């Protein structure tokens, strides 16, 4: 992957994370609840991606 594409991917990821935090704060969702949802989603994704 060329360096400009890699750097753009990092910038887009950081901007998406910031937008998510801003939106959750403006709606009134606490950061603890947002973290819990992210943790559960990561666990579900991990179980779904498991290959045996």
C-alpha atoms as a PDB file:
ATOM      1  CA  UNK A   1       0.000   0.000   0.000  1.00  0.00           C
ATOM      2  CA  UNK A   2       1.499   3.380  -0.959  1.00  0.00           C
ATOM      3  CA  UNK A   3       2.300   5.775   1.874  1.00  0.00           C
ATOM      4  CA  UNK A   4      -0.287   8.451   0.892  1.00  0.00           C
ATOM      5  CA  UNK A   5      -3.073   5.873   0.931  1.00  0.00           C
ATOM      6  CA  UNK A   6      -1.930   4.595   4.320  1.00  0.00           C
ATOM      7  CA  UNK A   7      -1.817   8.102   5.787  1.00  0.00           C
ATOM      8  CA  UNK A   8      -5.242   8.918   4.334  1.00  0.00           C
ATOM      9  CA  UNK A   9      -6.625   5.750   5.913  1.00  0.00           C
ATOM     10  CA  UNK A  10      -5.251   6.781   9.302  1.00  0.00           C
ATOM     11  CA  UNK A  11      -6.724  10.294   8.948  1.00  0.00           C
ATOM     12  CA  UNK A  12     -10.129   8.958   7.924  1.00  0.00           C
ATOM     13  CA  UNK A  13     -10.134   6.551  10.870  1.00  0.00           C
ATOM     14  CA  UNK A  14      -9.284   9.318  13.344  1.00  0.00           C
ATOM     15  CA  UNK A  15     -11.939  11.624  11.866  1.00  0.00           C
ATOM     16  CA  UNK A  16     -14.577   8.856  12.005  1.00  0.00           C
ATOM     17  CA  UNK A  17     -13.742   8.185  15.657  1.00  0.00           C
ATOM     18  CA  UNK A  18     -13.998  11.876  16.491  1.00  0.00           C
ATOM     19  CA  UNK A  19     -17.299  12.181  14.646  1.00  0.00           C
ATOM     20  CA  UNK A  20     -18.654   9.174  16.524  1.00  0.00           C
ATOM     21  CA  UNK A  21     -17.651  10.619  19.898  1.00  0.00           C
ATOM     22  CA  UNK A  22     -19.090  14.026  19.007  1.00  0.00           C
ATOM     23  CA  UNK A  23     -22.385  12.505  17.849  1.00  0.00           C
ATOM     24  CA  UNK A  24     -22.681  10.300  20.937  1.00  0.00           C
ATOM     25  CA  UNK A  25     -22.024  13.275  23.220  1.00  0.00           C
ATOM     26  CA  UNK A  26     -24.548  15.466  21.398  1.00  0.00           C
ATOM     27  CA  UNK A  27     -27.247  12.794  21.623  1.00  0.00           C
ATOM     28  CA  UNK A  28     -26.538  12.250  25.329  1.00  0.00           C
ATOM     29  CA  UNK A  29     -25.011   8.774  25.311  1.00  0.00           C
ATOM     30  CA  UNK A  30     -22.439   8.406  28.078  1.00  0.00           C
ATOM     31  CA  UNK A  31     -18.909   7.373  27.179  1.00  0.00           C
ATOM     32  CA  UNK A  32     -19.212   4.342  29.449  1.00  0.00           C
ATOM     33  CA  UNK A  33     -22.242   3.113  27.499  1.00  0.00           C
ATOM     34  CA  UNK A  34     -20.496   3.779  24.197  1.00  0.00           C
ATOM     35  CA  UNK A  35     -17.471   1.809  25.428  1.00  0.00           C
ATOM     36  CA  UNK A  36     -19.652  -1.084  26.544  1.00  0.00           C
ATOM     37  CA  UNK A  37     -21.391  -1.232  23.165  1.00  0.00           C
ATOM     38  CA  UNK A  38     -18.008  -1.169  21.392  1.00  0.00           C
ATOM     39  CA  UNK A  39     -16.717  -3.967  23.621  1.00  0.00           C
ATOM     40  CA  UNK A  40     -19.772  -6.136  22.963  1.00  0.00           C
ATOM     41  CA  UNK A  41     -19.566  -5.454  19.220  1.00  0.00           C
ATOM     42  CA  UNK A  42     -15.882  -6.433  19.209  1.00  0.00           C
ATOM     43  CA  UNK A  43     -16.714  -9.673  21.029  1.00  0.00           C
ATOM     44  CA  UNK A  44     -19.477 -10.520  18.586  1.00  0.00           C
ATOM     45  CA  UNK A  45     -17.190  -9.758  15.630  1.00  0.00           C
ATOM     46  CA  UNK A  46     -14.496 -11.960  17.155  1.00  0.00           C
ATOM     47  CA  UNK A  47     -16.900 -14.862  17.583  1.00  0.00           C
ATOM     48  CA  UNK A  48     -18.323 -14.380  14.103  1.00  0.00           C
ATOM     49  CA  UNK A  49     -14.863 -14.368  12.498  1.00  0.00           C
ATOM     50  CA  UNK A  50     -13.755 -17.538  14.261  1.00  0.00           C
ATOM     51  CA  UNK A  51     -12.782 -20.288  11.845  1.00  0.00           C
ATOM     52  CA  UNK A  52     -12.563 -23.834  13.055  1.00  0.00           C
END
